[in-house]
């Protein structure tokens, strides 16, 4: 019985964490000021968006086939 109550309380606590409302600043706090050149302050969803410079897309094509490596004279096993 106690275990079931603990399980229900835990699942309710986790369900409360999944809020889907628009984020708002804490009481008494404000969003950061608008960047230079922007007339309106950014919304919370705009502030949370990842900048393309922070997460660039891959522009280099990966090798589609594996290739045999040439012998490397400096690739020696460890001593000992």
N, C-alpha and C. Protein backbone atom coordinates (compact mmCIF):
# COMPACT_ATOMS: atom_id res chain seq x y z
N UNK A 1 0.82 -1.19 0.00
CA UNK A 1 0.00 0.00 0.00
C UNK A 1 0.87 1.26 0.00
N UNK A 2 1.90 1.25 0.84
CA UNK A 2 2.78 2.42 0.93
C UNK A 2 3.56 2.60 -0.37
N UNK A 3 3.94 1.48 -0.95
CA UNK A 3 4.70 1.54 -2.20
C UNK A 3 3.83 2.09 -3.33
N UNK A 4 2.57 1.71 -3.37
CA UNK A 4 1.66 2.22 -4.40
C UNK A 4 1.45 3.72 -4.23
N UNK A 5 1.30 4.17 -2.99
CA UNK A 5 1.12 5.61 -2.75
C UNK A 5 2.37 6.38 -3.16
N UNK A 6 3.53 5.83 -2.87
CA UNK A 6 4.78 6.47 -3.27
C UNK A 6 4.92 6.51 -4.78
N UNK A 7 4.52 5.45 -5.45
CA UNK A 7 4.58 5.40 -6.91
C UNK A 7 3.63 6.43 -7.53
N UNK A 8 2.43 6.54 -6.98
CA UNK A 8 1.46 7.52 -7.49
C UNK A 8 1.96 8.94 -7.25
N UNK A 9 2.50 9.20 -6.06
CA UNK A 9 3.01 10.54 -5.75
C UNK A 9 4.18 10.90 -6.66
N UNK A 10 5.05 9.94 -6.93
CA UNK A 10 6.18 10.18 -7.82
C UNK A 10 5.75 10.45 -9.25
N UNK A 11 4.77 9.69 -9.73
CA UNK A 11 4.30 9.91 -11.10
C UNK A 11 3.58 11.25 -11.23
N UNK A 12 2.85 11.67 -10.20
CA UNK A 12 2.21 12.99 -10.23
C UNK A 12 3.25 14.11 -10.22
N UNK A 13 4.31 13.92 -9.46
CA UNK A 13 5.36 14.94 -9.42
C UNK A 13 6.05 15.05 -10.77
N UNK A 14 6.29 13.92 -11.42
CA UNK A 14 6.90 13.96 -12.75
C UNK A 14 5.96 14.56 -13.78
N UNK A 15 4.68 14.29 -13.67
CA UNK A 15 3.72 14.84 -14.62
C UNK A 15 3.63 16.35 -14.47
N UNK A 16 3.82 16.86 -13.27
CA UNK A 16 3.77 18.31 -13.06
C UNK A 16 4.96 19.01 -13.68
N UNK A 17 6.07 18.28 -13.88
CA UNK A 17 7.26 18.89 -14.47
C UNK A 17 7.09 19.13 -15.97
N UNK A 18 6.20 18.44 -16.61
CA UNK A 18 6.05 18.53 -18.06
C UNK A 18 5.10 19.62 -18.48
N UNK A 19 5.27 20.80 -17.98
CA UNK A 19 4.39 21.91 -18.28
C UNK A 19 4.54 22.31 -19.75
N UNK A 20 3.44 22.60 -20.41
CA UNK A 20 3.48 22.95 -21.83
C UNK A 20 3.05 24.39 -22.08
N UNK A 21 3.03 25.21 -21.06
CA UNK A 21 2.64 26.61 -21.22
C UNK A 21 3.84 27.43 -21.68
N UNK A 22 3.55 28.65 -22.13
CA UNK A 22 4.61 29.58 -22.50
C UNK A 22 5.42 29.92 -21.25
N UNK A 23 6.73 29.95 -21.38
CA UNK A 23 7.58 30.28 -20.24
C UNK A 23 7.45 31.76 -19.92
N UNK A 24 7.48 32.07 -18.66
CA UNK A 24 7.40 33.45 -18.20
C UNK A 24 8.52 33.69 -17.20
N UNK A 25 9.00 34.92 -17.11
CA UNK A 25 10.05 35.20 -16.12
C UNK A 25 9.50 35.07 -14.70
N UNK A 26 10.40 34.84 -13.77
CA UNK A 26 10.01 34.72 -12.36
C UNK A 26 9.39 36.04 -11.89
N UNK A 27 8.53 35.99 -10.88
CA UNK A 27 7.92 37.23 -10.37
C UNK A 27 9.00 38.22 -9.94
N UNK A 28 8.82 39.47 -10.36
CA UNK A 28 9.79 40.51 -10.02
C UNK A 28 10.97 40.58 -10.98
N UNK A 29 11.03 39.68 -11.94
CA UNK A 29 12.13 39.67 -12.91
C UNK A 29 11.56 39.99 -14.29
N UNK A 30 12.40 40.40 -15.21
CA UNK A 30 11.96 40.72 -16.56
C UNK A 30 12.83 39.97 -17.56
N UNK A 31 12.34 39.84 -18.77
CA UNK A 31 13.15 39.24 -19.83
C UNK A 31 14.32 40.16 -20.14
N UNK A 32 15.39 39.64 -20.73
CA UNK A 32 16.53 40.50 -21.07
C UNK A 32 16.10 41.59 -22.05
N UNK A 33 16.81 42.70 -22.08
CA UNK A 33 16.44 43.77 -23.00
C UNK A 33 16.61 43.33 -24.45
N UNK A 34 15.92 44.03 -25.33
CA UNK A 34 15.98 43.71 -26.76
C UNK A 34 17.39 43.97 -27.28
N UNK A 35 17.88 43.12 -28.20
CA UNK A 35 19.19 43.36 -28.79
C UNK A 35 19.20 44.67 -29.58
N UNK A 36 20.38 45.18 -29.81
CA UNK A 36 20.54 46.44 -30.55
C UNK A 36 19.94 46.29 -31.94
N UNK A 37 19.11 47.21 -32.33
CA UNK A 37 18.51 47.20 -33.65
C UNK A 37 17.17 46.50 -33.72
N UNK A 38 16.72 45.89 -32.64
CA UNK A 38 15.43 45.21 -32.61
C UNK A 38 14.47 46.07 -31.81
N UNK A 39 13.29 46.30 -32.35
CA UNK A 39 12.35 47.21 -31.69
C UNK A 39 11.63 46.55 -30.51
N UNK A 40 11.32 45.27 -30.61
CA UNK A 40 10.58 44.58 -29.55
C UNK A 40 11.49 43.58 -28.85
N UNK A 41 11.30 43.37 -27.54
CA UNK A 41 12.08 42.33 -26.87
C UNK A 41 11.71 40.95 -27.40
N UNK A 42 12.65 40.04 -27.35
CA UNK A 42 12.42 38.68 -27.84
C UNK A 42 11.52 37.92 -26.88
N UNK A 43 10.73 37.00 -27.42
CA UNK A 43 9.89 36.16 -26.58
C UNK A 43 10.73 35.04 -25.98
N UNK A 44 10.16 34.32 -25.04
CA UNK A 44 10.91 33.24 -24.40
C UNK A 44 11.25 32.14 -25.40
N UNK A 45 10.36 31.84 -26.34
CA UNK A 45 10.67 30.80 -27.33
C UNK A 45 11.77 31.26 -28.27
N UNK A 46 11.83 32.54 -28.59
CA UNK A 46 12.91 33.05 -29.43
C UNK A 46 14.24 33.03 -28.68
N UNK A 47 14.19 33.29 -27.38
CA UNK A 47 15.42 33.25 -26.59
C UNK A 47 15.95 31.82 -26.44
N UNK A 48 15.05 30.83 -26.46
CA UNK A 48 15.47 29.44 -26.30
C UNK A 48 15.89 28.79 -27.60
N UNK A 49 15.62 29.43 -28.74
CA UNK A 49 15.99 28.85 -30.04
C UNK A 49 17.51 28.82 -30.17
N UNK A 50 18.02 27.73 -30.74
CA UNK A 50 19.47 27.57 -30.89
C UNK A 50 19.94 28.36 -32.11
N UNK A 51 20.97 29.14 -31.91
CA UNK A 51 21.56 29.93 -32.98
C UNK A 51 22.28 28.98 -33.96
N UNK A 52 22.19 29.20 -35.27
CA UNK A 52 22.89 28.32 -36.21
C UNK A 52 24.39 28.25 -35.98
N UNK A 53 24.96 29.30 -35.44
CA UNK A 53 26.38 29.29 -35.16
C UNK A 53 26.70 28.40 -33.96
N UNK A 54 25.75 28.24 -33.05
CA UNK A 54 25.96 27.40 -31.87
C UNK A 54 25.84 25.92 -32.21
N UNK A 55 25.00 25.58 -33.17
CA UNK A 55 24.81 24.18 -33.57
C UNK A 55 24.82 24.12 -35.09
N UNK A 56 26.00 24.20 -35.71
CA UNK A 56 26.05 24.22 -37.17
C UNK A 56 25.67 22.87 -37.77
N UNK A 57 25.16 22.92 -38.96
CA UNK A 57 24.83 21.69 -39.67
C UNK A 57 26.08 21.15 -40.34
N UNK A 58 26.15 19.86 -40.47
CA UNK A 58 27.32 19.24 -41.07
C UNK A 58 27.34 19.54 -42.57
N UNK A 59 28.46 20.07 -43.04
CA UNK A 59 28.57 20.39 -44.45
C UNK A 59 29.61 19.51 -45.15
N UNK A 60 30.27 18.65 -44.39
CA UNK A 60 31.29 17.78 -44.95
C UNK A 60 30.68 16.41 -45.18
N UNK A 61 30.85 15.88 -46.37
CA UNK A 61 30.32 14.56 -46.67
C UNK A 61 31.20 13.51 -46.02
N UNK A 62 30.58 12.62 -45.29
CA UNK A 62 31.33 11.54 -44.67
C UNK A 62 31.66 10.49 -45.72
N UNK A 63 32.68 9.74 -45.46
CA UNK A 63 33.04 8.69 -46.41
C UNK A 63 31.94 7.65 -46.46
N UNK A 64 31.56 7.28 -47.65
CA UNK A 64 30.49 6.30 -47.79
C UNK A 64 31.02 4.87 -47.78
N UNK A 65 32.29 4.70 -48.04
CA UNK A 65 32.89 3.36 -48.03
C UNK A 65 34.15 3.40 -47.18
N UNK A 66 34.42 2.29 -46.50
CA UNK A 66 35.66 2.22 -45.74
C UNK A 66 36.82 1.96 -46.69
N UNK A 67 37.97 2.50 -46.33
CA UNK A 67 39.16 2.34 -47.16
C UNK A 67 40.27 1.71 -46.33
N UNK A 68 41.10 0.95 -46.98
CA UNK A 68 42.23 0.33 -46.31
C UNK A 68 43.28 1.40 -46.00
N UNK A 69 43.79 1.41 -44.78
CA UNK A 69 44.80 2.39 -44.40
C UNK A 69 46.18 1.91 -44.80
N UNK A 70 47.01 2.86 -45.17
CA UNK A 70 48.40 2.53 -45.49
C UNK A 70 49.16 2.31 -44.20
N UNK A 71 50.27 1.57 -44.27
CA UNK A 71 51.09 1.35 -43.10
C UNK A 71 51.71 2.67 -42.65
N UNK A 72 51.68 2.89 -41.34
CA UNK A 72 52.24 4.11 -40.78
C UNK A 72 53.49 3.71 -40.00
N UNK A 73 54.68 4.17 -40.41
CA UNK A 73 55.90 3.76 -39.71
C UNK A 73 55.97 4.30 -38.28
N UNK A 74 55.21 5.31 -37.96
CA UNK A 74 55.23 5.88 -36.61
C UNK A 74 54.16 5.29 -35.71
N UNK A 75 53.33 4.40 -36.22
CA UNK A 75 52.28 3.76 -35.43
C UNK A 75 52.87 2.51 -34.79
N UNK A 76 53.61 2.70 -33.71
CA UNK A 76 54.30 1.60 -33.05
C UNK A 76 53.52 1.18 -31.81
N UNK A 77 53.60 -0.11 -31.46
CA UNK A 77 52.94 -0.56 -30.22
C UNK A 77 53.66 0.04 -29.01
N UNK A 78 52.99 0.14 -27.88
CA UNK A 78 53.64 0.69 -26.69
C UNK A 78 54.77 -0.22 -26.22
N UNK A 79 55.79 0.40 -25.64
CA UNK A 79 56.92 -0.38 -25.13
C UNK A 79 56.54 -1.06 -23.83
N UNK A 80 57.14 -2.22 -23.63
CA UNK A 80 56.93 -2.88 -22.34
C UNK A 80 56.30 -4.15 -22.48
